[in-house]
PDB file of all heavy atoms in Angstrom:
ATOM      1  N   LEU A   1       1.536  23.882  28.770  1.00  0.00           N
ATOM      2  CA  LEU A   1       0.694  22.760  28.361  1.00  0.00           C
ATOM      3  C   LEU A   1       1.075  22.252  26.973  1.00  0.00           C
ATOM      4  O   LEU A   1       0.971  21.055  26.697  1.00  0.00           O
ATOM      5  CB  LEU A   1      -0.782  23.173  28.390  1.00  0.00           C
ATOM      6  CG  LEU A   1      -1.398  23.307  29.790  1.00  0.00           C
ATOM      7  CD1 LEU A   1      -2.812  23.870  29.696  1.00  0.00           C
ATOM      8  CD2 LEU A   1      -1.420  21.964  30.503  1.00  0.00           C
ATOM      9  N   GLN A   2       1.541  23.134  26.106  1.00  0.00           N
ATOM     10  CA  GLN A   2       1.991  22.701  24.786  1.00  0.00           C
ATOM     11  C   GLN A   2       3.207  21.783  24.900  1.00  0.00           C
ATOM     12  O   GLN A   2       3.335  20.796  24.160  1.00  0.00           O
ATOM     13  CB  GLN A   2       2.328  23.921  23.917  1.00  0.00           C
ATOM     14  CG  GLN A   2       1.104  24.671  23.406  1.00  0.00           C
ATOM     15  CD  GLN A   2       1.468  25.923  22.624  1.00  0.00           C
ATOM     16  OE1 GLN A   2       2.640  26.225  22.424  1.00  0.00           O
ATOM     17  NE2 GLN A   2       0.464  26.664  22.183  1.00  0.00           N
ATOM     18  N   LYS A   3       4.112  22.103  25.821  1.00  0.00           N
ATOM     19  CA  LYS A   3       5.281  21.252  26.036  1.00  0.00           C
ATOM     20  C   LYS A   3       4.859  19.890  26.588  1.00  0.00           C
ATOM     21  O   LYS A   3       5.391  18.850  26.179  1.00  0.00           O
ATOM     22  CB  LYS A   3       6.257  21.934  26.996  1.00  0.00           C
ATOM     23  CG  LYS A   3       6.895  23.187  26.427  1.00  0.00           C
ATOM     24  CD  LYS A   3       7.847  23.828  27.421  1.00  0.00           C
ATOM     25  CE  LYS A   3       8.488  25.083  26.841  1.00  0.00           C
ATOM     26  NZ  LYS A   3       9.403  25.736  27.810  1.00  0.00           N
ATOM     27  N   ILE A   4       3.904  19.894  27.518  1.00  0.00           N
ATOM     28  CA  ILE A   4       3.395  18.631  28.057  1.00  0.00           C
ATOM     29  C   ILE A   4       2.733  17.825  26.947  1.00  0.00           C
ATOM     30  O   ILE A   4       2.923  16.612  26.836  1.00  0.00           O
ATOM     31  CB  ILE A   4       2.399  18.902  29.209  1.00  0.00           C
ATOM     32  CG1 ILE A   4       3.135  19.498  30.411  1.00  0.00           C
ATOM     33  CG2 ILE A   4       1.672  17.617  29.604  1.00  0.00           C
ATOM     34  CD1 ILE A   4       2.215  19.928  31.538  1.00  0.00           C
ATOM     35  N   SER A   5       1.951  18.509  26.112  1.00  0.00           N
ATOM     36  CA  SER A   5       1.265  17.838  25.009  1.00  0.00           C
ATOM     37  C   SER A   5       2.257  17.184  24.060  1.00  0.00           C
ATOM     38  O   SER A   5       2.050  16.049  23.603  1.00  0.00           O
ATOM     39  CB  SER A   5       0.401  18.850  24.245  1.00  0.00           C
ATOM     40  OG  SER A   5      -0.237  18.235  23.151  1.00  0.00           O
ATOM     41  N   ALA A   6       3.354  17.872  23.774  1.00  0.00           N
ATOM     42  CA  ALA A   6       4.358  17.313  22.867  1.00  0.00           C
ATOM     43  C   ALA A   6       4.978  16.051  23.443  1.00  0.00           C
ATOM     44  O   ALA A   6       5.206  15.069  22.722  1.00  0.00           O
ATOM     45  CB  ALA A   6       5.438  18.359  22.587  1.00  0.00           C
ATOM     46  N   SER A   7       5.243  16.053  24.751  1.00  0.00           N
ATOM     47  CA  SER A   7       5.847  14.869  25.380  1.00  0.00           C
ATOM     48  C   SER A   7       4.868  13.700  25.421  1.00  0.00           C
ATOM     49  O   SER A   7       5.260  12.539  25.265  1.00  0.00           O
ATOM     50  CB  SER A   7       6.320  15.204  26.801  1.00  0.00           C
ATOM     51  OG  SER A   7       5.233  15.458  27.663  1.00  0.00           O
ATOM     52  N   LEU A   8       3.582  14.004  25.609  1.00  0.00           N
ATOM     53  CA  LEU A   8       2.570  12.941  25.615  1.00  0.00           C
ATOM     54  C   LEU A   8       2.388  12.371  24.209  1.00  0.00           C
ATOM     55  O   LEU A   8       2.222  11.158  24.035  1.00  0.00           O
ATOM     56  CB  LEU A   8       1.241  13.473  26.149  1.00  0.00           C
ATOM     57  CG  LEU A   8       1.225  13.905  27.616  1.00  0.00           C
ATOM     58  CD1 LEU A   8      -0.110  14.561  27.964  1.00  0.00           C
ATOM     59  CD2 LEU A   8       1.482  12.711  28.533  1.00  0.00           C
ATOM     60  N   ALA A   9       2.421  13.224  23.213  1.00  0.00           N
ATOM     61  CA  ALA A   9       2.301  12.766  21.827  1.00  0.00           C
ATOM     62  C   ALA A   9       3.485  11.881  21.459  1.00  0.00           C
ATOM     63  O   ALA A   9       3.333  10.906  20.713  1.00  0.00           O
ATOM     64  CB  ALA A   9       2.214  13.968  20.887  1.00  0.00           C
ATOM     65  N   TYR A  10       4.656  12.206  21.976  1.00  0.00           N
ATOM     66  CA  TYR A  10       5.847  11.395  21.711  1.00  0.00           C
ATOM     67  C   TYR A  10       5.655   9.967  22.217  1.00  0.00           C
ATOM     68  O   TYR A  10       6.173   9.017  21.628  1.00  0.00           O
ATOM     69  CB  TYR A  10       7.059  12.039  22.378  1.00  0.00           C
ATOM     70  CG  TYR A  10       8.365  11.315  22.126  1.00  0.00           C
ATOM     71  CD1 TYR A  10       9.081  11.510  20.947  1.00  0.00           C
ATOM     72  CD2 TYR A  10       8.880  10.429  23.074  1.00  0.00           C
ATOM     73  CE1 TYR A  10      10.274  10.853  20.709  1.00  0.00           C
ATOM     74  CE2 TYR A  10      10.071   9.757  22.851  1.00  0.00           C
ATOM     75  CZ  TYR A  10      10.770   9.973  21.665  1.00  0.00           C
ATOM     76  OH  TYR A  10      11.947   9.307  21.439  1.00  0.00           O
ATOM     77  N   ASP A  11       4.904   9.824  23.327  1.00  0.00           N
ATOM     78  CA  ASP A  11       4.624   8.501  23.893  1.00  0.00           C
ATOM     79  C   ASP A  11       3.338   7.892  23.330  1.00  0.00           C
ATOM     80  O   ASP A  11       2.848   6.883  23.850  1.00  0.00           O
ATOM     81  CB  ASP A  11       4.505   8.596  25.425  1.00  0.00           C
ATOM     82  CG  ASP A  11       5.863   8.708  26.090  1.00  0.00           C
ATOM     83  OD1 ASP A  11       6.868   8.345  25.445  1.00  0.00           O
ATOM     84  OD2 ASP A  11       5.925   9.160  27.249  1.00  0.00           O
ATOM     85  N   PHE A  12       2.775   8.522  22.303  1.00  0.00           N
ATOM     86  CA  PHE A  12       1.551   8.031  21.652  1.00  0.00           C
ATOM     87  C   PHE A  12       0.384   7.915  22.641  1.00  0.00           C
ATOM     88  O   PHE A  12      -0.418   6.978  22.569  1.00  0.00           O
ATOM     89  CB  PHE A  12       1.808   6.677  20.974  1.00  0.00           C
ATOM     90  CG  PHE A  12       2.896   6.716  19.948  1.00  0.00           C
ATOM     91  CD1 PHE A  12       4.169   6.246  20.242  1.00  0.00           C
ATOM     92  CD2 PHE A  12       2.651   7.237  18.689  1.00  0.00           C
ATOM     93  CE1 PHE A  12       5.176   6.295  19.299  1.00  0.00           C
ATOM     94  CE2 PHE A  12       3.662   7.296  17.727  1.00  0.00           C
ATOM     95  CZ  PHE A  12       4.931   6.823  18.035  1.00  0.00           C
ATOM     96  N   ILE A  13       0.284   8.869  23.538  1.00  0.00           N
ATOM     97  CA  ILE A  13      -0.815   8.898  24.504  1.00  0.00           C
ATOM     98  C   ILE A  13      -1.907   9.817  23.975  1.00  0.00           C
ATOM     99  O   ILE A  13      -1.658  10.990  23.660  1.00  0.00           O
ATOM    100  CB  ILE A  13      -0.328   9.399  25.878  1.00  0.00           C
ATOM    101  CG1 ILE A  13       0.690   8.416  26.470  1.00  0.00           C
ATOM    102  CG2 ILE A  13      -1.502   9.586  26.838  1.00  0.00           C
ATOM    103  CD1 ILE A  13       1.351   8.907  27.739  1.00  0.00           C
ATOM    104  N   ARG A  14      -3.116   9.291  23.864  1.00  0.00           N
ATOM    105  CA  ARG A  14      -4.255  10.117  23.462  1.00  0.00           C
ATOM    106  C   ARG A  14      -4.529  11.128  24.579  1.00  0.00           C
ATOM    107  O   ARG A  14      -4.683  10.745  25.736  1.00  0.00           O
ATOM    108  CB  ARG A  14      -5.493   9.258  23.211  1.00  0.00           C
ATOM    109  CG  ARG A  14      -5.359   8.324  22.022  1.00  0.00           C
ATOM    110  CD  ARG A  14      -6.619   7.511  21.800  1.00  0.00           C
ATOM    111  NE  ARG A  14      -6.920   6.662  22.944  1.00  0.00           N
ATOM    112  CZ  ARG A  14      -8.014   6.736  23.690  1.00  0.00           C
ATOM    113  NH1 ARG A  14      -8.940   7.641  23.410  1.00  0.00           N
ATOM    114  NH2 ARG A  14      -8.201   5.902  24.690  1.00  0.00           N
ATOM    115  N   HIS A  15      -4.621  12.405  24.225  1.00  0.00           N
ATOM    116  CA  HIS A  15      -4.736  13.396  25.287  1.00  0.00           C
ATOM    117  C   HIS A  15      -5.362  14.694  24.775  1.00  0.00           C
ATOM    118  O   HIS A  15      -5.456  14.925  23.565  1.00  0.00           O
ATOM    119  CB  HIS A  15      -3.349  13.713  25.866  1.00  0.00           C
ATOM    120  CG  HIS A  15      -2.446  14.408  24.899  1.00  0.00           C
ATOM    121  ND1 HIS A  15      -1.773  13.733  23.893  1.00  0.00           N
ATOM    122  CD2 HIS A  15      -2.127  15.728  24.750  1.00  0.00           C
ATOM    123  CE1 HIS A  15      -1.067  14.601  23.191  1.00  0.00           C
ATOM    124  NE2 HIS A  15      -1.263  15.809  23.673  1.00  0.00           N
ATOM    125  N   SER A  16      -5.764  15.515  25.726  1.00  0.00           N
ATOM    126  CA  SER A  16      -6.228  16.868  25.449  1.00  0.00           C
ATOM    127  C   SER A  16      -5.718  17.761  26.568  1.00  0.00           C
ATOM    128  O   SER A  16      -5.547  17.303  27.710  1.00  0.00           O
ATOM    129  CB  SER A  16      -7.756  16.948  25.406  1.00  0.00           C
ATOM    130  OG  SER A  16      -8.284  16.115  24.397  1.00  0.00           O
ATOM    131  N   THR A  17      -5.460  19.023  26.262  1.00  0.00           N
ATOM    132  CA  THR A  17      -5.076  19.987  27.293  1.00  0.00           C
ATOM    133  C   THR A  17      -6.158  21.040  27.406  1.00  0.00           C
ATOM    134  O   THR A  17      -6.738  21.465  26.392  1.00  0.00           O
ATOM    135  CB  THR A  17      -3.727  20.644  26.971  1.00  0.00           C
ATOM    136  OG1 THR A  17      -3.812  21.315  25.704  1.00  0.00           O
ATOM    137  CG2 THR A  17      -2.615  19.600  26.922  1.00  0.00           C
ATOM    138  N   ILE A  18      -6.446  21.443  28.629  1.00  0.00           N
ATOM    139  CA  ILE A  18      -7.547  22.375  28.890  1.00  0.00           C
ATOM    140  C   ILE A  18      -7.072  23.440  29.870  1.00  0.00           C
ATOM    141  O   ILE A  18      -6.501  23.124  30.918  1.00  0.00           O
ATOM    142  CB  ILE A  18      -8.762  21.637  29.486  1.00  0.00           C
ATOM    143  CG1 ILE A  18      -9.235  20.523  28.534  1.00  0.00           C
ATOM    144  CG2 ILE A  18      -9.902  22.614  29.773  1.00  0.00           C
ATOM    145  CD1 ILE A  18     -10.301  19.623  29.149  1.00  0.00           C
ATOM    146  N   VAL A  19      -7.316  24.708  29.541  1.00  0.00           N
ATOM    147  CA  VAL A  19      -7.074  25.821  30.461  1.00  0.00           C
ATOM    148  C   VAL A  19      -8.412  26.483  30.756  1.00  0.00           C
ATOM    149  O   VAL A  19      -9.172  26.799  29.830  1.00  0.00           O
ATOM    150  CB  VAL A  19      -6.097  26.855  29.867  1.00  0.00           C
ATOM    151  CG1 VAL A  19      -5.845  27.973  30.881  1.00  0.00           C
ATOM    152  CG2 VAL A  19      -4.786  26.202  29.473  1.00  0.00           C
ATOM    153  N   ARG A  20      -8.691  26.655  32.022  1.00  0.00           N
ATOM    154  CA  ARG A  20      -9.931  27.308  32.433  1.00  0.00           C
ATOM    155  C   ARG A  20      -9.608  28.395  33.459  1.00  0.00           C
ATOM    156  O   ARG A  20      -8.559  28.380  34.097  1.00  0.00           O
ATOM    157  CB  ARG A  20     -10.906  26.299  33.051  1.00  0.00           C
ATOM    158  CG  ARG A  20     -11.474  25.295  32.062  1.00  0.00           C
ATOM    159  CD  ARG A  20     -12.507  25.926  31.153  1.00  0.00           C
ATOM    160  NE  ARG A  20     -13.208  24.934  30.344  1.00  0.00           N
ATOM    161  CZ  ARG A  20     -12.807  24.504  29.163  1.00  0.00           C
ATOM    162  NH1 ARG A  20     -11.695  24.982  28.644  1.00  0.00           N
ATOM    163  NH2 ARG A  20     -13.499  23.604  28.487  1.00  0.00           N
ATOM    164  N   HIS A  21     -10.543  29.307  33.625  1.00  0.00           N
ATOM    165  CA  HIS A  21     -10.428  30.351  34.632  1.00  0.00           C
ATOM    166  C   HIS A  21     -11.682  30.322  35.485  1.00  0.00           C
ATOM    167  O   HIS A  21     -12.798  30.354  34.958  1.00  0.00           O
ATOM    168  CB  HIS A  21     -10.278  31.729  33.974  1.00  0.00           C
ATOM    169  CG  HIS A  21     -10.395  32.868  34.945  1.00  0.00           C
ATOM    170  ND1 HIS A  21     -11.531  33.636  35.063  1.00  0.00           N
ATOM    171  CD2 HIS A  21      -9.515  33.347  35.853  1.00  0.00           C
ATOM    172  CE1 HIS A  21     -11.355  34.553  35.990  1.00  0.00           C
ATOM    173  NE2 HIS A  21     -10.141  34.407  36.477  1.00  0.00           N
ATOM    174  N   GLY A  22     -11.509  30.214  36.799  1.00  0.00           N
ATOM    175  CA  GLY A  22     -12.667  30.186  37.676  1.00  0.00           C
ATOM    176  C   GLY A  22     -12.374  29.457  38.971  1.00  0.00           C
ATOM    177  O   GLY A  22     -11.213  29.175  39.304  1.00  0.00           O
ATOM    178  N   ASP A  23     -13.420  29.159  39.703  1.00  0.00           N
ATOM    179  CA  ASP A  23     -13.273  28.422  40.961  1.00  0.00           C
ATOM    180  C   ASP A  23     -12.701  27.035  40.667  1.00  0.00           C
ATOM    181  O   ASP A  23     -13.254  26.287  39.843  1.00  0.00           O
ATOM    182  CB  ASP A  23     -14.634  28.301  41.645  1.00  0.00           C
ATOM    183  CG  ASP A  23     -14.554  27.539  42.954  1.00  0.00           C
ATOM    184  OD1 ASP A  23     -14.193  28.146  43.972  1.00  0.00           O
ATOM    185  OD2 ASP A  23     -14.817  26.318  42.927  1.00  0.00           O
ATOM    186  N   ILE A  24     -11.604  26.688  41.328  1.00  0.00           N
ATOM    187  CA  ILE A  24     -10.904  25.452  40.992  1.00  0.00           C
ATOM    188  C   ILE A  24     -11.782  24.237  41.239  1.00  0.00           C
ATOM    189  O   ILE A  24     -11.925  23.368  40.365  1.00  0.00           O
ATOM    190  CB  ILE A  24      -9.594  25.350  41.800  1.00  0.00           C
ATOM    191  CG1 ILE A  24      -8.637  26.463  41.382  1.00  0.00           C
ATOM    192  CG2 ILE A  24      -8.935  23.985  41.577  1.00  0.00           C
ATOM    193  CD1 ILE A  24      -7.353  26.508  42.178  1.00  0.00           C
ATOM    194  N   ARG A  25     -12.385  24.158  42.406  1.00  0.00           N
ATOM    195  CA  ARG A  25     -13.197  22.982  42.737  1.00  0.00           C
ATOM    196  C   ARG A  25     -14.361  22.833  41.765  1.00  0.00           C
ATOM    197  O   ARG A  25     -14.597  21.737  41.227  1.00  0.00           O
ATOM    198  CB  ARG A  25     -13.719  23.089  44.163  1.00  0.00           C
ATOM    199  CG  ARG A  25     -14.672  21.964  44.555  1.00  0.00           C
ATOM    200  CD  ARG A  25     -15.311  22.216  45.906  1.00  0.00           C
ATOM    201  NE  ARG A  25     -16.330  21.218  46.188  1.00  0.00           N
ATOM    202  CZ  ARG A  25     -17.573  21.265  45.734  1.00  0.00           C
ATOM    203  NH1 ARG A  25     -17.952  22.265  44.942  1.00  0.00           N
ATOM    204  NH2 ARG A  25     -18.440  20.322  46.054  1.00  0.00           N
ATOM    205  N   GLU A  26     -15.114  23.913  41.552  1.00  0.00           N
ATOM    206  CA  GLU A  26     -16.292  23.831  40.690  1.00  0.00           C
ATOM    207  C   GLU A  26     -15.911  23.526  39.242  1.00  0.00           C
ATOM    208  O   GLU A  26     -16.596  22.764  38.551  1.00  0.00           O
ATOM    209  CB  GLU A  26     -17.081  25.143  40.762  1.00  0.00           C
ATOM    210  CG  GLU A  26     -17.734  25.401  42.115  1.00  0.00           C
ATOM    211  CD  GLU A  26     -18.706  24.313  42.510  1.00  0.00           C
ATOM    212  OE1 GLU A  26     -19.369  23.762  41.603  1.00  0.00           O
ATOM    213  OE2 GLU A  26     -18.807  24.002  43.707  1.00  0.00           O
ATOM    214  N   THR A  27     -14.798  24.096  38.779  1.00  0.00           N
ATOM    215  CA  THR A  27     -14.375  23.873  37.403  1.00  0.00           C
ATOM    216  C   THR A  27     -13.942  22.428  37.186  1.00  0.00           C
ATOM    217  O   THR A  27     -14.342  21.783  36.206  1.00  0.00           O
ATOM    218  CB  THR A  27     -13.221  24.824  37.040  1.00  0.00           C
ATOM    219  OG1 THR A  27     -13.643  26.178  37.239  1.00  0.00           O
ATOM    220  CG2 THR A  27     -12.809  24.630  35.587  1.00  0.00           C
ATOM    221  N   ILE A  28     -13.130  21.906  38.103  1.00  0.00           N
ATOM    222  CA  ILE A  28     -12.682  20.508  37.994  1.00  0.00           C
ATOM    223  C   ILE A  28     -13.868  19.558  38.108  1.00  0.00           C
ATOM    224  O   ILE A  28     -13.992  18.594  37.341  1.00  0.00           O
ATOM    225  CB  ILE A  28     -11.630  20.182  39.061  1.00  0.00           C
ATOM    226  CG1 ILE A  28     -10.362  21.020  38.849  1.00  0.00           C
ATOM    227  CG2 ILE A  28     -11.285  18.701  39.050  1.00  0.00           C
ATOM    228  CD1 ILE A  28      -9.631  20.731  37.572  1.00  0.00           C
ATOM    229  N   LEU A  29     -14.748  19.824  39.050  1.00  0.00           N
ATOM    230  CA  LEU A  29     -15.914  18.967  39.249  1.00  0.00           C
ATOM    231  C   LEU A  29     -16.784  18.935  37.993  1.00  0.00           C
ATOM    232  O   LEU A  29     -17.250  17.862  37.575  1.00  0.00           O
ATOM    233  CB  LEU A  29     -16.727  19.465  40.439  1.00  0.00           C
ATOM    234  CG  LEU A  29     -17.994  18.684  40.800  1.00  0.00           C
ATOM    235  CD1 LEU A  29     -17.666  17.231  41.100  1.00  0.00           C
ATOM    236  CD2 LEU A  29     -18.704  19.329  41.990  1.00  0.00           C
ATOM    237  N   ARG A  30     -16.978  20.086  37.376  1.00  0.00           N
ATOM    238  CA  ARG A  30     -17.794  20.142  36.158  1.00  0.00           C
ATOM    239  C   ARG A  30     -17.144  19.348  35.027  1.00  0.00           C
ATOM    240  O   ARG A  30     -17.812  18.588  34.313  1.00  0.00           O
ATOM    241  CB  ARG A  30     -17.979  21.598  35.734  1.00  0.00           C
ATOM    242  CG  ARG A  30     -18.993  21.796  34.619  1.00  0.00           C
ATOM    243  CD  ARG A  30     -19.111  23.261  34.228  1.00  0.00           C
ATOM    244  NE  ARG A  30     -19.307  24.111  35.393  1.00  0.00           N
ATOM    245  CZ  ARG A  30     -18.422  25.017  35.813  1.00  0.00           C
ATOM    246  NH1 ARG A  30     -17.284  25.180  35.167  1.00  0.00           N
ATOM    247  NH2 ARG A  30     -18.671  25.753  36.870  1.00  0.00           N
ATOM    248  N   LEU A  31     -15.822  19.481  34.883  1.00  0.00           N
ATOM    249  CA  LEU A  31     -15.122  18.750  33.839  1.00  0.00           C
ATOM    250  C   LEU A  31     -15.144  17.247  34.089  1.00  0.00           C
ATOM    251  O   LEU A  31     -15.295  16.451  33.159  1.00  0.00           O
ATOM    252  CB  LEU A  31     -13.676  19.245  33.740  1.00  0.00           C
ATOM    253  CG  LEU A  31     -13.474  20.615  33.092  1.00  0.00           C
ATOM    254  CD1 LEU A  31     -12.043  21.095  33.298  1.00  0.00           C
ATOM    255  CD2 LEU A  31     -13.810  20.568  31.603  1.00  0.00           C
ATOM    256  N   VAL A  32     -14.983  16.851  35.347  1.00  0.00           N
ATOM    257  CA  VAL A  32     -15.015  15.423  35.687  1.00  0.00           C
ATOM    258  C   VAL A  32     -16.354  14.816  35.297  1.00  0.00           C
ATOM    259  O   VAL A  32     -16.423  13.717  34.730  1.00  0.00           O
ATOM    260  CB  VAL A  32     -14.734  15.223  37.192  1.00  0.00           C
ATOM    261  CG1 VAL A  32     -15.122  13.810  37.642  1.00  0.00           C
ATOM    262  CG2 VAL A  32     -13.265  15.472  37.491  1.00  0.00           C
ATOM    263  N   ARG A  33     -17.424  15.543  35.579  1.00  0.00           N
ATOM    264  CA  ARG A  33     -18.759  15.029  35.241  1.00  0.00           C
ATOM    265  C   ARG A  33     -19.025  15.071  33.741  1.00  0.00           C
ATOM    266  O   ARG A  33     -19.507  14.096  33.165  1.00  0.00           O
ATOM    267  CB  ARG A  33     -19.815  15.845  35.993  1.00  0.00           C
ATOM    268  CG  ARG A  33     -19.847  15.557  37.492  1.00  0.00           C
ATOM    269  CD  ARG A  33     -20.784  16.485  38.218  1.00  0.00           C
ATOM    270  NE  ARG A  33     -20.949  16.101  39.617  1.00  0.00           N
ATOM    271  CZ  ARG A  33     -21.467  16.884  40.552  1.00  0.00           C
ATOM    272  NH1 ARG A  33     -21.884  18.097  40.234  1.00  0.00           N
ATOM    273  NH2 ARG A  33     -21.581  16.448  41.794  1.00  0.00           N
ATOM    274  N   ASP A  34     -18.683  16.193  33.114  1.00  0.00           N
ATOM    275  CA  ASP A  34     -18.952  16.339  31.678  1.00  0.00           C
ATOM    276  C   ASP A  34     -18.153  15.353  30.843  1.00  0.00           C
ATOM    277  O   ASP A  34     -18.656  14.824  29.844  1.00  0.00           O
ATOM    278  CB  ASP A  34     -18.641  17.766  31.224  1.00  0.00           C
ATOM    279  CG  ASP A  34     -19.613  18.785  31.786  1.00  0.00           C
ATOM    280  OD1 ASP A  34     -20.661  18.376  32.335  1.00  0.00           O
ATOM    281  OD2 ASP A  34     -19.319  19.997  31.691  1.00  0.00           O
ATOM    282  N   ARG A  35     -16.910  15.112  31.225  1.00  0.00           N
ATOM    283  CA  ARG A  35     -16.032  14.235  30.443  1.00  0.00           C
ATOM    284  C   ARG A  35     -16.068  12.787  30.938  1.00  0.00           C
ATOM    285  O   ARG A  35     -15.328  11.951  30.441  1.00  0.00           O
ATOM    286  CB  ARG A  35     -14.593  14.757  30.484  1.00  0.00           C
ATOM    287  CG  ARG A  35     -14.431  16.196  30.023  1.00  0.00           C
ATOM    288  CD  ARG A  35     -14.853  16.404  28.579  1.00  0.00           C
ATOM    289  NE  ARG A  35     -14.737  17.788  28.161  1.00  0.00           N
ATOM    290  CZ  ARG A  35     -13.683  18.319  27.559  1.00  0.00           C
ATOM    291  NH1 ARG A  35     -12.620  17.568  27.303  1.00  0.00           N
ATOM    292  NH2 ARG A  35     -13.669  19.587  27.202  1.00  0.00           N
ATOM    293  N   GLN A  36     -16.907  12.512  31.928  1.00  0.00           N
ATOM    294  CA  GLN A  36     -17.059  11.151  32.468  1.00  0.00           C
ATOM    295  C   GLN A  36     -15.692  10.567  32.874  1.00  0.00           C
ATOM    296  O   GLN A  36     -15.305   9.474  32.463  1.00  0.00           O
ATOM    297  CB  GLN A  36     -17.761  10.241  31.459  1.00  0.00           C
ATOM    298  CG  GLN A  36     -19.175  10.694  31.133  1.00  0.00           C
ATOM    299  CD  GLN A  36     -19.873   9.785  30.153  1.00  0.00           C
ATOM    300  OE1 GLN A  36     -19.287   9.329  29.175  1.00  0.00           O
ATOM    301  NE2 GLN A  36     -21.146   9.487  30.428  1.00  0.00           N
TER     302      GLN A  36
END
């Protein structure tokens, strides 16, 4: 993710990287709702 972040920063893209551990569906769904 750090390598991806560096490439996105090179293109001046506003971004964040997130690593989570848990149920994939529930974790993604929670992030989608929380981050709108």
